[in-house]
C-alpha atoms as a PDB file:
ATOM      1  CA  MET A   1      -3.984  -5.264 -12.183  1.00  0.00           C
ATOM      2  CA  LEU A   2      -2.856  -1.903 -13.371  1.00  0.00           C
ATOM      3  CA  GLU A   3      -6.648  -0.783 -14.312  1.00  0.00           C
ATOM      4  CA  LEU A   4      -7.100  -1.623 -10.316  1.00  0.00           C
ATOM      5  CA  LEU A   5      -4.192   0.981 -10.314  1.00  0.00           C
ATOM      6  CA  ASP A   6      -5.521   2.834 -12.932  1.00  0.00           C
ATOM      7  CA  ASP A   7      -8.873   3.449 -10.910  1.00  0.00           C
ATOM      8  CA  ILE A   8      -7.719   3.991  -7.251  1.00  0.00           C
ATOM      9  CA  ARG A   9      -5.353   7.220  -9.156  1.00  0.00           C
ATOM     10  CA  ASP A  10      -8.137   8.629 -11.215  1.00  0.00           C
ATOM     11  CA  ARG A  11     -10.713   7.845  -7.417  1.00  0.00           C
ATOM     12  CA  ALA A  12      -8.208   9.739  -5.799  1.00  0.00           C
ATOM     13  CA  GLU A  13      -7.725  12.727  -8.370  1.00  0.00           C
ATOM     14  CA  SER A  14     -11.679  13.360  -7.945  1.00  0.00           C
ATOM     15  CA  ALA A  15     -12.222  12.162  -4.114  1.00  0.00           C
ATOM     16  CA  PRO A  16      -8.690  12.026  -2.403  1.00  0.00           C
ATOM     17  CA  HIS A  17     -11.072  12.002   1.175  1.00  0.00           C
ATOM     18  CA  LEU A  18     -13.401   9.257   0.244  1.00  0.00           C
ATOM     19  CA  VAL A  19     -12.382   5.439   2.237  1.00  0.00           C
ATOM     20  CA  ALA A  20     -11.192   2.972   0.158  1.00  0.00           C
ATOM     21  CA  VAL A  21     -10.645   0.456   2.480  1.00  0.00           C
ATOM     22  CA  ARG A  22     -11.185   0.204   5.611  1.00  0.00           C
ATOM     23  CA  LEU A  23     -10.190  -3.341   7.710  1.00  0.00           C
ATOM     24  CA  GLY A  24     -10.926  -3.242  11.936  1.00  0.00           C
ATOM     25  CA  GLU A  25     -10.462  -0.725  12.440  1.00  0.00           C
ATOM     26  CA  GLU A  26      -8.004   0.459  10.148  1.00  0.00           C
ATOM     27  CA  SER A  27      -9.410   2.805   6.736  1.00  0.00           C
ATOM     28  CA  VAL A  28      -6.863   4.385   3.836  1.00  0.00           C
ATOM     29  CA  THR A  29      -8.351   6.319   1.371  1.00  0.00           C
ATOM     30  CA  TYR A  30      -7.741   7.038  -2.130  1.00  0.00           C
ATOM     31  CA  GLY A  31      -5.707   9.608  -1.699  1.00  0.00           C
ATOM     32  CA  ALA A  32      -2.866   8.172   0.363  1.00  0.00           C
ATOM     33  CA  LEU A  33      -3.113   5.090  -1.512  1.00  0.00           C
ATOM     34  CA  HIS A  34      -2.109   6.996  -3.983  1.00  0.00           C
ATOM     35  CA  ASP A  35       0.788   8.631  -2.477  1.00  0.00           C
ATOM     36  CA  GLY A  36       1.365   5.495  -1.448  1.00  0.00           C
ATOM     37  CA  ILE A  37       1.853   4.130  -4.433  1.00  0.00           C
ATOM     38  CA  THR A  38       3.063   6.304  -6.327  1.00  0.00           C
ATOM     39  CA  SER A  39       6.092   6.580  -3.256  1.00  0.00           C
ATOM     40  CA  TYR A  40       6.940   2.874  -4.006  1.00  0.00           C
ATOM     41  CA  ALA A  41       7.314   2.801  -7.357  1.00  0.00           C
ATOM     42  CA  ALA A  42      10.334   4.675  -7.387  1.00  0.00           C
ATOM     43  CA  VAL A  43      11.536   2.099  -4.984  1.00  0.00           C
ATOM     44  CA  MET A  44      10.081  -0.784  -6.950  1.00  0.00           C
ATOM     45  CA  ASP A  45      12.004   0.068 -10.429  1.00  0.00           C
ATOM     46  CA  ARG A  46      14.783   0.684  -8.627  1.00  0.00           C
ATOM     47  CA  HIS A  47      14.499  -3.465  -7.725  1.00  0.00           C
ATOM     48  CA  GLY A  48      13.688  -3.589 -10.890  1.00  0.00           C
ATOM     49  CA  MET A  49       9.760  -5.104  -8.898  1.00  0.00           C
ATOM     50  CA  SER A  50       6.251  -4.563 -10.510  1.00  0.00           C
ATOM     51  CA  ALA A  51       3.788  -1.618  -9.866  1.00  0.00           C
ATOM     52  CA  HIS A  52       2.056  -4.549  -8.428  1.00  0.00           C
ATOM     53  CA  ALA A  53       3.912  -4.442  -5.320  1.00  0.00           C
ATOM     54  CA  ALA A  54       3.399  -1.200  -5.181  1.00  0.00           C
ATOM     55  CA  LEU A  55       0.262  -1.576  -4.270  1.00  0.00           C
ATOM     56  CA  TYR A  56       1.302  -4.548  -1.701  1.00  0.00           C
ATOM     57  CA  ALA A  57       4.126  -2.256   0.106  1.00  0.00           C
ATOM     58  CA  THR A  58       1.371   0.741   0.628  1.00  0.00           C
ATOM     59  CA  LEU A  59      -1.251  -1.883   1.700  1.00  0.00           C
ATOM     60  CA  LEU A  60       0.964  -2.811   4.781  1.00  0.00           C
ATOM     61  CA  ASN A  61       2.734   0.232   4.895  1.00  0.00           C
ATOM     62  CA  CYS A  62      -0.585   2.262   5.544  1.00  0.00           C
ATOM     63  CA  MET A  63      -2.792  -0.634   6.992  1.00  0.00           C
ATOM     64  CA  PRO A  64      -0.419  -1.936  10.147  1.00  0.00           C
ATOM     65  CA  SER A  65      -2.786  -4.512  10.696  1.00  0.00           C
ATOM     66  CA  ILE A  66      -1.655  -6.527   8.065  1.00  0.00           C
ATOM     67  CA  ALA A  67       1.519  -6.785   8.691  1.00  0.00           C
ATOM     68  CA  ARG A  68       1.111  -7.093  12.311  1.00  0.00           C
ATOM     69  CA  ILE A  69      -0.470 -11.465  11.073  1.00  0.00           C
ATOM     70  CA  GLY A  70       1.909 -13.773  11.816  1.00  0.00           C
ATOM     71  CA  ALA A  71       1.269 -16.786   9.328  1.00  0.00           C
ATOM     72  CA  ALA A  72       2.438 -14.844   6.208  1.00  0.00           C
ATOM     73  CA  ALA A  73      -0.640 -17.319   4.522  1.00  0.00           C
ATOM     74  CA  GLU A  74      -2.675 -15.888   5.726  1.00  0.00           C
ATOM     75  CA  GLN A  75      -2.060 -12.329   5.399  1.00  0.00           C
ATOM     76  CA  ASN A  76      -1.391 -13.028   1.708  1.00  0.00           C
ATOM     77  CA  ARG A  77      -5.591 -13.730   1.961  1.00  0.00           C
ATOM     78  CA  VAL A  78      -6.011 -11.040   3.366  1.00  0.00           C
ATOM     79  CA  VAL A  79      -4.005  -9.213   1.617  1.00  0.00           C
ATOM     80  CA  GLY A  80      -6.108 -11.086  -1.751  1.00  0.00           C
ATOM     81  CA  GLU A  81      -9.295  -9.986   0.041  1.00  0.00           C
ATOM     82  CA  VAL A  82      -8.217  -6.367  -0.260  1.00  0.00           C
ATOM     83  CA  VAL A  83      -7.204  -5.900  -3.594  1.00  0.00           C
ATOM     84  CA  ALA A  84     -10.708  -8.163  -4.147  1.00  0.00           C
ATOM     85  CA  TRP A  85     -12.349  -5.664  -1.825  1.00  0.00           C
ATOM     86  CA  LEU A  86     -10.863  -2.479  -4.191  1.00  0.00           C
ATOM     87  CA  ALA A  87     -11.315  -4.281  -7.771  1.00  0.00           C
ATOM     88  CA  ARG A  88     -14.718  -4.582  -7.251  1.00  0.00           C
ATOM     89  CA  HIS A  89     -16.438  -2.789  -9.233  1.00  0.00           C
ATOM     90  CA  LEU A  90     -14.295  -3.017 -12.276  1.00  0.00           C
ATOM     91  CA  PRO A  91     -14.829  -6.342 -15.075  1.00  0.00           C
ATOM     92  CA  GLY A  92     -12.874  -9.674 -14.844  1.00  0.00           C
ATOM     93  CA  ASP A  93     -11.831 -11.662 -11.844  1.00  0.00           C
ATOM     94  CA  GLN A  94     -10.736  -8.405 -10.291  1.00  0.00           C
ATOM     95  CA  GLY A  95     -13.391  -7.799  -7.904  1.00  0.00           C
ATOM     96  CA  ARG A  96     -13.790 -11.972  -6.369  1.00  0.00           C
ATOM     97  CA  GLY A  97     -13.312 -11.104  -1.831  1.00  0.00           C
ATOM     98  CA  HIS A  98     -14.950 -12.314   1.251  1.00  0.00           C
ATOM     99  CA  LEU A  99     -15.658  -8.576   1.515  1.00  0.00           C
ATOM    100  CA  ARG A 100     -18.324  -6.983   2.163  1.00  0.00           C
ATOM    101  CA  ALA A 101     -19.234  -3.469   2.609  1.00  0.00           C
ATOM    102  CA  VAL A 102     -20.702  -2.066   6.654  1.00  0.00           C
ATOM    103  CA  SER A 103     -21.828   1.690   7.439  1.00  0.00           C
END
């Protein structure tokens, strides 16, 4: 997961306005993801939580439709798919989700 966080940071630095992921009518850029992760990281650290939690909190904040999913298991599945999409180009098992590219 640290590779993914580093990748998001690198992409935010080079192309902050590039859409990182789109879910339904919502989209979030690499810049917004990185800003959110950075903001939440301080809160998570203060409460003994990992940087991974900052990514999840950022996704829920930037893509409110995920937070509106009623069943926790379905919400976790959707977040997992989004994380897999973000990591699809990284080595290892991180990028094995069911989302697909659309134009």
